[in-house]
Amino acid sequence: MKKSELEYKMNEVKDDYIRIQRDLEKLESVGRNTDKHLKILDELEKELADLHKQFAVLDHQTF
């Protein structure tokens, strides 16, 4: 994957994370079950960490 593609994907994941986090806050405020949203946030965090690792490898290779 190219550096620009990784940046685009990271931005998509960040946007998804923010959206899910807002949904989670709304659910919490009305006392609803948040387990599903917490699991999704955890998965997005792992995906973002993986993307950052890939980006670091590409960034290191350009030197």
PDB file of N, CA and C in Angstrom:
ATOM      1  N   MET A   1       0.844  -1.169   0.000  1.00  0.00           N
ATOM      2  CA  MET A   1       0.000   0.000   0.000  1.00  0.00           C
ATOM      3  C   MET A   1       0.898   1.243   0.000  1.00  0.00           C
ATOM      4  N   LYS A   2       0.525   2.233  -0.758  1.00  0.00           N
ATOM      5  CA  LYS A   2       1.289   3.479  -0.829  1.00  0.00           C
ATOM      6  C   LYS A   2       1.029   4.326   0.413  1.00  0.00           C
ATOM      7  N   LYS A   3       1.953   5.234   0.645  1.00  0.00           N
ATOM      8  CA  LYS A   3       1.843   6.126   1.801  1.00  0.00           C
ATOM      9  C   LYS A   3       0.537   6.927   1.767  1.00  0.00           C
ATOM     10  N   SER A   4       0.181   7.437   0.604  1.00  0.00           N
ATOM     11  CA  SER A   4      -1.049   8.228   0.485  1.00  0.00           C
ATOM     12  C   SER A   4      -2.293   7.369   0.740  1.00  0.00           C
ATOM     13  N   GLU A   5      -2.240   6.111   0.329  1.00  0.00           N
ATOM     14  CA  GLU A   5      -3.357   5.200   0.580  1.00  0.00           C
ATOM     15  C   GLU A   5      -3.485   4.902   2.072  1.00  0.00           C
ATOM     16  N   LEU A   6      -2.348   4.751   2.739  1.00  0.00           N
ATOM     17  CA  LEU A   6      -2.375   4.516   4.180  1.00  0.00           C
ATOM     18  C   LEU A   6      -2.931   5.733   4.919  1.00  0.00           C
ATOM     19  N   GLU A   7      -2.522   6.911   4.495  1.00  0.00           N
ATOM     20  CA  GLU A   7      -3.043   8.129   5.121  1.00  0.00           C
ATOM     21  C   GLU A   7      -4.553   8.226   4.942  1.00  0.00           C
ATOM     22  N   TYR A   8      -5.030   7.915   3.751  1.00  0.00           N
ATOM     23  CA  TYR A   8      -6.460   7.944   3.478  1.00  0.00           C
ATOM     24  C   TYR A   8      -7.199   6.941   4.364  1.00  0.00           C
ATOM     25  N   LYS A   9      -6.667   5.730   4.451  1.00  0.00           N
ATOM     26  CA  LYS A   9      -7.288   4.678   5.264  1.00  0.00           C
ATOM     27  C   LYS A   9      -7.287   5.065   6.742  1.00  0.00           C
ATOM     28  N   MET A  10      -6.180   5.646   7.216  1.00  0.00           N
ATOM     29  CA  MET A  10      -6.123   6.079   8.613  1.00  0.00           C
ATOM     30  C   MET A  10      -7.188   7.136   8.890  1.00  0.00           C
ATOM     31  N   ASN A  11      -7.378   8.057   7.971  1.00  0.00           N
ATOM     32  CA  ASN A  11      -8.401   9.079   8.146  1.00  0.00           C
ATOM     33  C   ASN A  11      -9.803   8.470   8.167  1.00  0.00           C
ATOM     34  N   GLU A  12     -10.034   7.468   7.336  1.00  0.00           N
ATOM     35  CA  GLU A  12     -11.329   6.784   7.345  1.00  0.00           C
ATOM     36  C   GLU A  12     -11.582   6.116   8.695  1.00  0.00           C
ATOM     37  N   VAL A  13     -10.575   5.422   9.201  1.00  0.00           N
ATOM     38  CA  VAL A  13     -10.705   4.726  10.481  1.00  0.00           C
ATOM     39  C   VAL A  13     -10.939   5.738  11.605  1.00  0.00           C
ATOM     40  N   LYS A  14     -10.213   6.849  11.573  1.00  0.00           N
ATOM     41  CA  LYS A  14     -10.401   7.891  12.589  1.00  0.00           C
ATOM     42  C   LYS A  14     -11.824   8.447  12.541  1.00  0.00           C
ATOM     43  N   ASP A  15     -12.329   8.682  11.335  1.00  0.00           N
ATOM     44  CA  ASP A  15     -13.701   9.177  11.187  1.00  0.00           C
ATOM     45  C   ASP A  15     -14.706   8.175  11.740  1.00  0.00           C
ATOM     46  N   ASP A  16     -14.503   6.898  11.440  1.00  0.00           N
ATOM     47  CA  ASP A  16     -15.383   5.851  11.966  1.00  0.00           C
ATOM     48  C   ASP A  16     -15.326   5.821  13.490  1.00  0.00           C
ATOM     49  N   TYR A  17     -14.127   5.951  14.024  1.00  0.00           N
ATOM     50  CA  TYR A  17     -13.935   5.922  15.476  1.00  0.00           C
ATOM     51  C   TYR A  17     -14.722   7.063  16.134  1.00  0.00           C
ATOM     52  N   ILE A  18     -14.594   8.244  15.582  1.00  0.00           N
ATOM     53  CA  ILE A  18     -15.291   9.408  16.135  1.00  0.00           C
ATOM     54  C   ILE A  18     -16.804   9.213  16.067  1.00  0.00           C
ATOM     55  N   ARG A  19     -17.280   8.685  14.953  1.00  0.00           N
ATOM     56  CA  ARG A  19     -18.714   8.452  14.793  1.00  0.00           C
ATOM     57  C   ARG A  19     -19.233   7.443  15.820  1.00  0.00           C
ATOM     58  N   ILE A  20     -18.513   6.342  15.976  1.00  0.00           N
ATOM     59  CA  ILE A  20     -18.922   5.308  16.933  1.00  0.00           C
ATOM     60  C   ILE A  20     -18.839   5.846  18.355  1.00  0.00           C
ATOM     61  N   GLN A  21     -17.816   6.637  18.638  1.00  0.00           N
ATOM     62  CA  GLN A  21     -17.668   7.209  19.969  1.00  0.00           C
ATOM     63  C   GLN A  21     -18.845   8.129  20.301  1.00  0.00           C
ATOM     64  N   ARG A  22     -19.292   8.912  19.338  1.00  0.00           N
ATOM     65  CA  ARG A  22     -20.465   9.770  19.558  1.00  0.00           C
ATOM     66  C   ARG A  22     -21.711   8.928  19.820  1.00  0.00           C
ATOM     67  N   ASP A  23     -21.885   7.880  19.031  1.00  0.00           N
ATOM     68  CA  ASP A  23     -23.018   6.980  19.238  1.00  0.00           C
ATOM     69  C   ASP A  23     -22.970   6.362  20.636  1.00  0.00           C
ATOM     70  N   LEU A  24     -21.783   5.971  21.049  1.00  0.00           N
ATOM     71  CA  LEU A  24     -21.588   5.366  22.364  1.00  0.00           C
ATOM     72  C   LEU A  24     -21.990   6.342  23.467  1.00  0.00           C
ATOM     73  N   GLU A  25     -21.564   7.582  23.336  1.00  0.00           N
ATOM     74  CA  GLU A  25     -21.901   8.596  24.335  1.00  0.00           C
ATOM     75  C   GLU A  25     -23.411   8.812  24.420  1.00  0.00           C
ATOM     76  N   LYS A  26     -24.074   8.798  23.275  1.00  0.00           N
ATOM     77  CA  LYS A  26     -25.530   8.945  23.271  1.00  0.00           C
ATOM     78  C   LYS A  26     -26.195   7.771  23.977  1.00  0.00           C
ATOM     79  N   LEU A  27     -25.723   6.556  23.685  1.00  0.00           N
ATOM     80  CA  LEU A  27     -26.282   5.370  24.325  1.00  0.00           C
ATOM     81  C   LEU A  27     -26.061   5.395  25.838  1.00  0.00           C
ATOM     82  N   GLU A  28     -24.860   5.794  26.243  1.00  0.00           N
ATOM     83  CA  GLU A  28     -24.553   5.873  27.674  1.00  0.00           C
ATOM     84  C   GLU A  28     -25.455   6.873  28.377  1.00  0.00           C
ATOM     85  N   SER A  29     -25.741   7.976  27.710  1.00  0.00           N
ATOM     86  CA  SER A  29     -26.539   9.036  28.340  1.00  0.00           C
ATOM     87  C   SER A  29     -27.981   8.599  28.609  1.00  0.00           C
ATOM     88  N   VAL A  30     -28.462   7.606  27.863  1.00  0.00           N
ATOM     89  CA  VAL A  30     -29.830   7.123  28.084  1.00  0.00           C
ATOM     90  C   VAL A  30     -29.850   5.739  28.737  1.00  0.00           C
ATOM     91  N   GLY A  31     -28.666   5.294  29.178  1.00  0.00           N
ATOM     92  CA  GLY A  31     -28.582   4.039  29.915  1.00  0.00           C
ATOM     93  C   GLY A  31     -28.720   2.777  29.080  1.00  0.00           C
ATOM     94  N   ARG A  32     -28.368   2.832  27.815  1.00  0.00           N
ATOM     95  CA  ARG A  32     -28.468   1.664  26.931  1.00  0.00           C
ATOM     96  C   ARG A  32     -27.191   0.839  26.978  1.00  0.00           C
ATOM     97  N   ASN A  33     -27.276  -0.378  26.463  1.00  0.00           N
ATOM     98  CA  ASN A  33     -26.140  -1.288  26.407  1.00  0.00           C
ATOM     99  C   ASN A  33     -25.116  -0.767  25.395  1.00  0.00           C
ATOM    100  N   THR A  34     -23.862  -0.700  25.817  1.00  0.00           N
ATOM    101  CA  THR A  34     -22.810  -0.138  24.963  1.00  0.00           C
ATOM    102  C   THR A  34     -21.764  -1.177  24.573  1.00  0.00           C
ATOM    103  N   ASP A  35     -21.977  -2.434  24.933  1.00  0.00           N
ATOM    104  CA  ASP A  35     -20.963  -3.469  24.682  1.00  0.00           C
ATOM    105  C   ASP A  35     -20.562  -3.559  23.212  1.00  0.00           C
ATOM    106  N   LYS A  36     -21.540  -3.530  22.334  1.00  0.00           N
ATOM    107  CA  LYS A  36     -21.262  -3.653  20.896  1.00  0.00           C
ATOM    108  C   LYS A  36     -20.372  -2.502  20.412  1.00  0.00           C
ATOM    109  N   HIS A  37     -20.693  -1.304  20.851  1.00  0.00           N
ATOM    110  CA  HIS A  37     -19.923  -0.140  20.418  1.00  0.00           C
ATOM    111  C   HIS A  37     -18.514  -0.144  21.002  1.00  0.00           C
ATOM    112  N   LEU A  38     -18.380  -0.601  22.237  1.00  0.00           N
ATOM    113  CA  LEU A  38     -17.055  -0.700  22.841  1.00  0.00           C
ATOM    114  C   LEU A  38     -16.188  -1.696  22.082  1.00  0.00           C
ATOM    115  N   LYS A  39     -16.785  -2.790  21.644  1.00  0.00           N
ATOM    116  CA  LYS A  39     -16.048  -3.793  20.869  1.00  0.00           C
ATOM    117  C   LYS A  39     -15.599  -3.205  19.530  1.00  0.00           C
ATOM    118  N   ILE A  40     -16.475  -2.461  18.879  1.00  0.00           N
ATOM    119  CA  ILE A  40     -16.133  -1.835  17.597  1.00  0.00           C
ATOM    120  C   ILE A  40     -14.990  -0.839  17.784  1.00  0.00           C
ATOM    121  N   LEU A  41     -15.049  -0.041  18.855  1.00  0.00           N
ATOM    122  CA  LEU A  41     -13.971   0.918  19.122  1.00  0.00           C
ATOM    123  C   LEU A  41     -12.647   0.205  19.329  1.00  0.00           C
ATOM    124  N   ASP A  42     -12.677  -0.904  20.045  1.00  0.00           N
ATOM    125  CA  ASP A  42     -11.468  -1.689  20.275  1.00  0.00           C
ATOM    126  C   ASP A  42     -10.886  -2.196  18.951  1.00  0.00           C
ATOM    127  N   GLU A  43     -11.752  -2.684  18.075  1.00  0.00           N
ATOM    128  CA  GLU A  43     -11.301  -3.171  16.768  1.00  0.00           C
ATOM    129  C   GLU A  43     -10.711  -2.040  15.932  1.00  0.00           C
ATOM    130  N   LEU A  44     -11.348  -0.869  15.980  1.00  0.00           N
ATOM    131  CA  LEU A  44     -10.840   0.278  15.228  1.00  0.00           C
ATOM    132  C   LEU A  44      -9.486   0.734  15.770  1.00  0.00           C
ATOM    133  N   GLU A  45      -9.311   0.686  17.093  1.00  0.00           N
ATOM    134  CA  GLU A  45      -8.025   1.052  17.683  1.00  0.00           C
ATOM    135  C   GLU A  45      -6.926   0.104  17.207  1.00  0.00           C
ATOM    136  N   LYS A  46      -7.228  -1.177  17.153  1.00  0.00           N
ATOM    137  CA  LYS A  46      -6.248  -2.154  16.681  1.00  0.00           C
ATOM    138  C   LYS A  46      -5.912  -1.929  15.210  1.00  0.00           C
ATOM    139  N   GLU A  47      -6.941  -1.647  14.415  1.00  0.00           N
ATOM    140  CA  GLU A  47      -6.715  -1.400  12.991  1.00  0.00           C
ATOM    141  C   GLU A  47      -5.865  -0.151  12.789  1.00  0.00           C
ATOM    142  N   LEU A  48      -6.149   0.883  13.556  1.00  0.00           N
ATOM    143  CA  LEU A  48      -5.383   2.118  13.435  1.00  0.00           C
ATOM    144  C   LEU A  48      -3.932   1.903  13.863  1.00  0.00           C
ATOM    145  N   ALA A  49      -3.716   1.132  14.914  1.00  0.00           N
ATOM    146  CA  ALA A  49      -2.349   0.830  15.353  1.00  0.00           C
ATOM    147  C   ALA A  49      -1.596   0.082  14.260  1.00  0.00           C
ATOM    148  N   ASP A  50      -2.267  -0.865  13.613  1.00  0.00           N
ATOM    149  CA  ASP A  50      -1.643  -1.614  12.530  1.00  0.00           C
ATOM    150  C   ASP A  50      -1.294  -0.687  11.355  1.00  0.00           C
ATOM    151  N   LEU A  51      -2.195   0.210  11.028  1.00  0.00           N
ATOM    152  CA  LEU A  51      -1.947   1.154   9.944  1.00  0.00           C
ATOM    153  C   LEU A  51      -0.765   2.066  10.279  1.00  0.00           C
ATOM    154  N   HIS A  52      -0.669   2.485  11.530  1.00  0.00           N
ATOM    155  CA  HIS A  52       0.460   3.323  11.948  1.00  0.00           C
ATOM    156  C   HIS A  52       1.776   2.567  11.807  1.00  0.00           C
ATOM    157  N   LYS A  53       1.770   1.280  12.142  1.00  0.00           N
ATOM    158  CA  LYS A  53       2.977   0.459  11.985  1.00  0.00           C
ATOM    159  C   LYS A  53       3.373   0.372  10.518  1.00  0.00           C
ATOM    160  N   GLN A  54       2.385   0.132   9.654  1.00  0.00           N
ATOM    161  CA  GLN A  54       2.669   0.055   8.220  1.00  0.00           C
ATOM    162  C   GLN A  54       3.222   1.389   7.711  1.00  0.00           C
ATOM    163  N   PHE A  55       2.639   2.477   8.195  1.00  0.00           N
ATOM    164  CA  PHE A  55       3.073   3.808   7.783  1.00  0.00           C
ATOM    165  C   PHE A  55       4.518   4.056   8.225  1.00  0.00           C
ATOM    166  N   ALA A  56       4.841   3.648   9.450  1.00  0.00           N
ATOM    167  CA  ALA A  56       6.195   3.832   9.971  1.00  0.00           C
ATOM    168  C   ALA A  56       7.207   3.054   9.133  1.00  0.00           C
ATOM    169  N   VAL A  57       6.843   1.855   8.713  1.00  0.00           N
ATOM    170  CA  VAL A  57       7.730   1.052   7.872  1.00  0.00           C
ATOM    171  C   VAL A  57       7.966   1.755   6.534  1.00  0.00           C
ATOM    172  N   LEU A  58       6.899   2.222   5.927  1.00  0.00           N
ATOM    173  CA  LEU A  58       7.034   2.944   4.649  1.00  0.00           C
ATOM    174  C   LEU A  58       7.835   4.221   4.830  1.00  0.00           C
ATOM    175  N   ASP A  59       7.574   4.931   5.905  1.00  0.00           N
ATOM    176  CA  ASP A  59       8.268   6.186   6.166  1.00  0.00           C
ATOM    177  C   ASP A  59       9.753   5.930   6.366  1.00  0.00           C
ATOM    178  N   HIS A  60      10.083   4.848   7.042  1.00  0.00           N
ATOM    179  CA  HIS A  60      11.484   4.479   7.299  1.00  0.00           C
ATOM    180  C   HIS A  60      12.190   4.067   5.990  1.00  0.00           C
ATOM    181  N   GLN A  61      11.454   3.454   5.088  1.00  0.00           N
ATOM    182  CA  GLN A  61      12.031   2.989   3.827  1.00  0.00           C
ATOM    183  C   GLN A  61      12.361   4.132   2.888  1.00  0.00           C
ATOM    184  N   THR A  62      11.723   5.272   3.077  1.00  0.00           N
ATOM    185  CA  THR A  62      11.951   6.399   2.161  1.00  0.00           C
ATOM    186  C   THR A  62      13.243   7.123   2.459  1.00  0.00           C
ATOM    187  N   PHE A  63      13.876   6.855   3.600  1.00  0.00           N
ATOM    188  CA  PHE A  63      15.148   7.527   3.938  1.00  0.00           C
ATOM    189  C   PHE A  63      16.288   6.853   3.304  1.00  0.00           C
TER     190      PHE A  63
END
